[in-house]
Structure formats: C-alpha cells, structure tokens
C-alpha cells in the first residue's frame, strides 16, 4: 500500500525518474500562484524517438512502482515529439530538443520560481535526514 504522493515530493520523484533514464536539461518550476493548471511543471528533453519513448515509459513506470501515482492523463505520443504526463499537481513535459527550442516553454513560465534540480542527493536539516533534490 502506498501513501499518497503529491506536490513537491511528486515533482521530485518525476525529475529523479527522468534523470535515471538520462533525460536531458531537466528543469522544474513551482507554478503555485502563477498557473491554475498545476502546482509544479517539469520539462525534460530526449534526443531521439527511442529516447523519448524510454523517458515517457520510465517516468510513468518508476513513479507508479515506487509511489503508486499514475498520470491522470497523457497527452501526445512520442511520435509527436511532445508528451505531457499529467499528475494534476505535477505536469511532466517530455519533449524532443527541437520542439523544446521551438516552443520555448521556459520563457512562458518566467514568472514562476525555478527549483534548481541537483540530481539525486540528500541534505541534513535540524538533525533530520531527508531527501531533497531542489533548491530555491
């Protein structure tokens, strides 16, 4: 049985899963107060169709296997070179490099707070060890 995972913890799990399959240029934004669509937005890139398919498969699979969370909706297919995994609190955009450059989502979200992705790591705070891959 899984505990419900949402918000920043879910964003961290999605970004970590993307990193494990070697997604490129992983960026995460805190969209609270900026967008009514979601709380966290993640964008990552793949360099080929097989790589895009692997990122989509592994992010969805790892997050479901480790945390019990499934995307509520998936928009697009790898062949379209842009897929969105929608977890409600978190939206994961998996894009081919060319599509990412063309649509420049990062510019659209300039008002959002970007959470710096540090890769898999942990920190010690107040004597309590907790995993955290984001810095503000």
C-alpha atoms as a PDB file:
ATOM      1  CA  UNK A   1       0.000   0.000   0.000  1.00  0.00           C
ATOM      2  CA  UNK A   2       1.290   3.441  -0.969  1.00  0.00           C
ATOM      3  CA  UNK A   3       0.949   6.744   0.816  1.00  0.00           C
ATOM      4  CA  UNK A   4      -0.473   9.465  -1.404  1.00  0.00           C
ATOM      5  CA  UNK A   5       2.295  11.449  -3.039  1.00  0.00           C
ATOM      6  CA  UNK A   6       1.715  14.939  -4.335  1.00  0.00           C
ATOM      7  CA  UNK A   7       3.198  18.361  -4.783  1.00  0.00           C
ATOM      8  CA  UNK A   8       6.916  18.831  -4.432  1.00  0.00           C
ATOM      9  CA  UNK A   9       7.505  15.199  -3.443  1.00  0.00           C
ATOM     10  CA  UNK A  10       5.830  14.015  -6.660  1.00  0.00           C
ATOM     11  CA  UNK A  11       7.772  16.588  -8.704  1.00  0.00           C
ATOM     12  CA  UNK A  12      10.990  15.315  -7.125  1.00  0.00           C
ATOM     13  CA  UNK A  13      10.056  11.682  -7.929  1.00  0.00           C
ATOM     14  CA  UNK A  14       9.294  12.555 -11.569  1.00  0.00           C
ATOM     15  CA  UNK A  15      12.512  14.534 -12.027  1.00  0.00           C
ATOM     16  CA  UNK A  16      14.554  11.745 -10.410  1.00  0.00           C
ATOM     17  CA  UNK A  17      12.961   9.142 -12.691  1.00  0.00           C
ATOM     18  CA  UNK A  18      13.723  11.317 -15.730  1.00  0.00           C
ATOM     19  CA  UNK A  19      17.313  11.667 -14.587  1.00  0.00           C
ATOM     20  CA  UNK A  20      17.655   7.891 -14.172  1.00  0.00           C
ATOM     21  CA  UNK A  21      16.784   7.367 -17.866  1.00  0.00           C
ATOM     22  CA  UNK A  22      19.213  10.169 -18.781  1.00  0.00           C
ATOM     23  CA  UNK A  23      16.650  12.762 -19.837  1.00  0.00           C
ATOM     24  CA  UNK A  24      18.402  15.977 -20.787  1.00  0.00           C
ATOM     25  CA  UNK A  25      18.032  19.535 -19.467  1.00  0.00           C
ATOM     26  CA  UNK A  26      15.651  18.693 -16.618  1.00  0.00           C
ATOM     27  CA  UNK A  27      14.019  21.868 -15.301  1.00  0.00           C
ATOM     28  CA  UNK A  28      11.378  22.168 -12.584  1.00  0.00           C
ATOM     29  CA  UNK A  29       9.149  25.137 -11.745  1.00  0.00           C
ATOM     30  CA  UNK A  30       6.916  25.885  -8.784  1.00  0.00           C
ATOM     31  CA  UNK A  31       3.793  27.148 -10.558  1.00  0.00           C
ATOM     32  CA  UNK A  32       1.748  27.943  -7.439  1.00  0.00           C
ATOM     33  CA  UNK A  33       0.404  31.468  -7.718  1.00  0.00           C
ATOM     34  CA  UNK A  34       1.376  31.600 -11.420  1.00  0.00           C
ATOM     35  CA  UNK A  35      -0.855  28.979 -13.017  1.00  0.00           C
ATOM     36  CA  UNK A  36      -4.196  27.394 -12.192  1.00  0.00           C
ATOM     37  CA  UNK A  37      -3.271  24.282 -14.213  1.00  0.00           C
ATOM     38  CA  UNK A  38      -0.805  22.649 -11.837  1.00  0.00           C
ATOM     39  CA  UNK A  39       1.469  23.251  -8.862  1.00  0.00           C
ATOM     40  CA  UNK A  40       4.704  22.014 -10.448  1.00  0.00           C
ATOM     41  CA  UNK A  41       5.868  21.853 -14.052  1.00  0.00           C
ATOM     42  CA  UNK A  42       8.780  19.736 -15.261  1.00  0.00           C
ATOM     43  CA  UNK A  43      10.342  19.885 -18.708  1.00  0.00           C
ATOM     44  CA  UNK A  44      12.953  17.462 -19.940  1.00  0.00           C
ATOM     45  CA  UNK A  45      14.325  16.553 -23.343  1.00  0.00           C
ATOM     46  CA  UNK A  46      15.181  13.473 -25.295  1.00  0.00           C
ATOM     47  CA  UNK A  47      17.452  13.378 -28.318  1.00  0.00           C
ATOM     48  CA  UNK A  48      15.757  10.640 -30.359  1.00  0.00           C
ATOM     49  CA  UNK A  49      12.424   8.848 -30.701  1.00  0.00           C
ATOM     50  CA  UNK A  50      13.619   5.777 -28.743  1.00  0.00           C
ATOM     51  CA  UNK A  51      14.963   8.063 -26.009  1.00  0.00           C
ATOM     52  CA  UNK A  52      11.626   9.946 -25.794  1.00  0.00           C
ATOM     53  CA  UNK A  53       9.713   6.670 -25.543  1.00  0.00           C
ATOM     54  CA  UNK A  54      12.067   5.426 -22.812  1.00  0.00           C
ATOM     55  CA  UNK A  55      11.710   8.659 -20.790  1.00  0.00           C
ATOM     56  CA  UNK A  56       7.898   8.533 -21.002  1.00  0.00           C
ATOM     57  CA  UNK A  57       7.790   4.825 -20.132  1.00  0.00           C
ATOM     58  CA  UNK A  58      10.255   5.053 -17.266  1.00  0.00           C
ATOM     59  CA  UNK A  59       8.950   8.224 -15.624  1.00  0.00           C
ATOM     60  CA  UNK A  60       5.406   6.799 -15.571  1.00  0.00           C
ATOM     61  CA  UNK A  61       6.611   3.318 -14.586  1.00  0.00           C
ATOM     62  CA  UNK A  62       9.079   4.292 -11.868  1.00  0.00           C
ATOM     63  CA  UNK A  63       6.712   6.802 -10.249  1.00  0.00           C
ATOM     64  CA  UNK A  64       3.896   4.239 -10.272  1.00  0.00           C
ATOM     65  CA  UNK A  65       6.083   1.384  -8.974  1.00  0.00           C
ATOM     66  CA  UNK A  66       7.802   3.409  -6.251  1.00  0.00           C
ATOM     67  CA  UNK A  67       4.983   5.763  -5.222  1.00  0.00           C
ATOM     68  CA  UNK A  68       1.732   4.337  -6.599  1.00  0.00           C
ATOM     69  CA  UNK A  69       0.992   7.502  -8.593  1.00  0.00           C
ATOM     70  CA  UNK A  70      -0.251   7.217 -12.172  1.00  0.00           C
ATOM     71  CA  UNK A  71      -0.743  10.072 -14.628  1.00  0.00           C
ATOM     72  CA  UNK A  72      -4.416  11.044 -14.710  1.00  0.00           C
ATOM     73  CA  UNK A  73      -3.988  11.886 -18.380  1.00  0.00           C
ATOM     74  CA  UNK A  74      -1.295  11.587 -21.025  1.00  0.00           C
ATOM     75  CA  UNK A  75      -1.377  13.993 -23.956  1.00  0.00           C
ATOM     76  CA  UNK A  76       0.535  13.332 -27.159  1.00  0.00           C
ATOM     77  CA  UNK A  77       2.634  10.429 -28.324  1.00  0.00           C
ATOM     78  CA  UNK A  78       6.380  10.059 -28.696  1.00  0.00           C
ATOM     79  CA  UNK A  79       5.919  10.340 -32.477  1.00  0.00           C
ATOM     80  CA  UNK A  80       4.581  13.880 -31.991  1.00  0.00           C
ATOM     81  CA  UNK A  81       7.848  14.680 -30.150  1.00  0.00           C
ATOM     82  CA  UNK A  82       5.979  16.204 -27.176  1.00  0.00           C
ATOM     83  CA  UNK A  83       4.195  14.233 -24.472  1.00  0.00           C
ATOM     84  CA  UNK A  84       2.667  15.551 -21.273  1.00  0.00           C
ATOM     85  CA  UNK A  85       2.214  13.269 -18.271  1.00  0.00           C
ATOM     86  CA  UNK A  86      -0.466  14.953 -16.157  1.00  0.00           C
ATOM     87  CA  UNK A  87      -0.468  14.051 -12.452  1.00  0.00           C
ATOM     88  CA  UNK A  88      -2.743  17.041 -11.599  1.00  0.00           C
ATOM     89  CA  UNK A  89      -0.305  18.538  -9.022  1.00  0.00           C
ATOM     90  CA  UNK A  90       2.598  17.946 -11.422  1.00  0.00           C
ATOM     91  CA  UNK A  91       2.807  18.094 -15.210  1.00  0.00           C
ATOM     92  CA  UNK A  92       5.802  16.489 -16.899  1.00  0.00           C
ATOM     93  CA  UNK A  93       6.597  17.699 -20.425  1.00  0.00           C
ATOM     94  CA  UNK A  94       8.839  15.268 -22.309  1.00  0.00           C
ATOM     95  CA  UNK A  95       9.978  16.993 -25.491  1.00  0.00           C
ATOM     96  CA  UNK A  96      12.330  16.402 -28.361  1.00  0.00           C
ATOM     97  CA  UNK A  97      15.104  19.018 -28.295  1.00  0.00           C
ATOM     98  CA  UNK A  98      13.825  20.710 -31.481  1.00  0.00           C
ATOM     99  CA  UNK A  99      10.260  21.031 -30.148  1.00  0.00           C
ATOM    100  CA  UNK A 100      11.545  22.400 -26.867  1.00  0.00           C
ATOM    101  CA  UNK A 101      13.584  25.078 -28.602  1.00  0.00           C
ATOM    102  CA  UNK A 102      10.683  25.990 -30.900  1.00  0.00           C
ATOM    103  CA  UNK A 103       8.009  26.327 -28.181  1.00  0.00           C
ATOM    104  CA  UNK A 104      10.323  27.852 -25.534  1.00  0.00           C
ATOM    105  CA  UNK A 105       8.123  26.948 -22.559  1.00  0.00           C
ATOM    106  CA  UNK A 106      10.789  28.253 -20.207  1.00  0.00           C
ATOM    107  CA  UNK A 107      10.081  31.782 -21.464  1.00  0.00           C
ATOM    108  CA  UNK A 108       6.338  31.371 -20.857  1.00  0.00           C
ATOM    109  CA  UNK A 109       6.988  30.481 -17.234  1.00  0.00           C
ATOM    110  CA  UNK A 110       9.428  33.290 -16.484  1.00  0.00           C
ATOM    111  CA  UNK A 111       7.274  34.436 -13.522  1.00  0.00           C
ATOM    112  CA  UNK A 112       7.420  31.011 -11.844  1.00  0.00           C
ATOM    113  CA  UNK A 113      10.075  30.074  -9.303  1.00  0.00           C
ATOM    114  CA  UNK A 114      12.502  27.614 -10.808  1.00  0.00           C
ATOM    115  CA  UNK A 115      13.589  24.876  -8.462  1.00  0.00           C
ATOM    116  CA  UNK A 116      17.191  24.018  -9.182  1.00  0.00           C
ATOM    117  CA  UNK A 117      17.499  20.327  -9.939  1.00  0.00           C
ATOM    118  CA  UNK A 118      20.597  18.943  -8.241  1.00  0.00           C
ATOM    119  CA  UNK A 119      20.156  15.341  -9.227  1.00  0.00           C
ATOM    120  CA  UNK A 120      19.778  12.555  -6.692  1.00  0.00           C
ATOM    121  CA  UNK A 121      21.038  13.837  -3.369  1.00  0.00           C
ATOM    122  CA  UNK A 122      20.137  14.410   0.226  1.00  0.00           C
ATOM    123  CA  UNK A 123      20.625  17.008   2.883  1.00  0.00           C
ATOM    124  CA  UNK A 124      20.643  17.147   6.671  1.00  0.00           C
ATOM    125  CA  UNK A 125      18.343  19.699   8.308  1.00  0.00           C
ATOM    126  CA  UNK A 126      17.842  20.151  12.066  1.00  0.00           C
ATOM    127  CA  UNK A 127      19.236  16.679  12.729  1.00  0.00           C
ATOM    128  CA  UNK A 128      16.608  15.098  10.478  1.00  0.00           C
ATOM    129  CA  UNK A 129      17.867  13.401   7.335  1.00  0.00           C
ATOM    130  CA  UNK A 130      15.572  13.979   4.363  1.00  0.00           C
ATOM    131  CA  UNK A 131      15.950  13.588   0.641  1.00  0.00           C
ATOM    132  CA  UNK A 132      15.756  16.827  -1.289  1.00  0.00           C
ATOM    133  CA  UNK A 133      16.784  17.418  -4.879  1.00  0.00           C
ATOM    134  CA  UNK A 134      15.576  21.006  -5.120  1.00  0.00           C
ATOM    135  CA  UNK A 135      16.971  24.314  -4.055  1.00  0.00           C
ATOM    136  CA  UNK A 136      15.132  27.576  -4.424  1.00  0.00           C
END
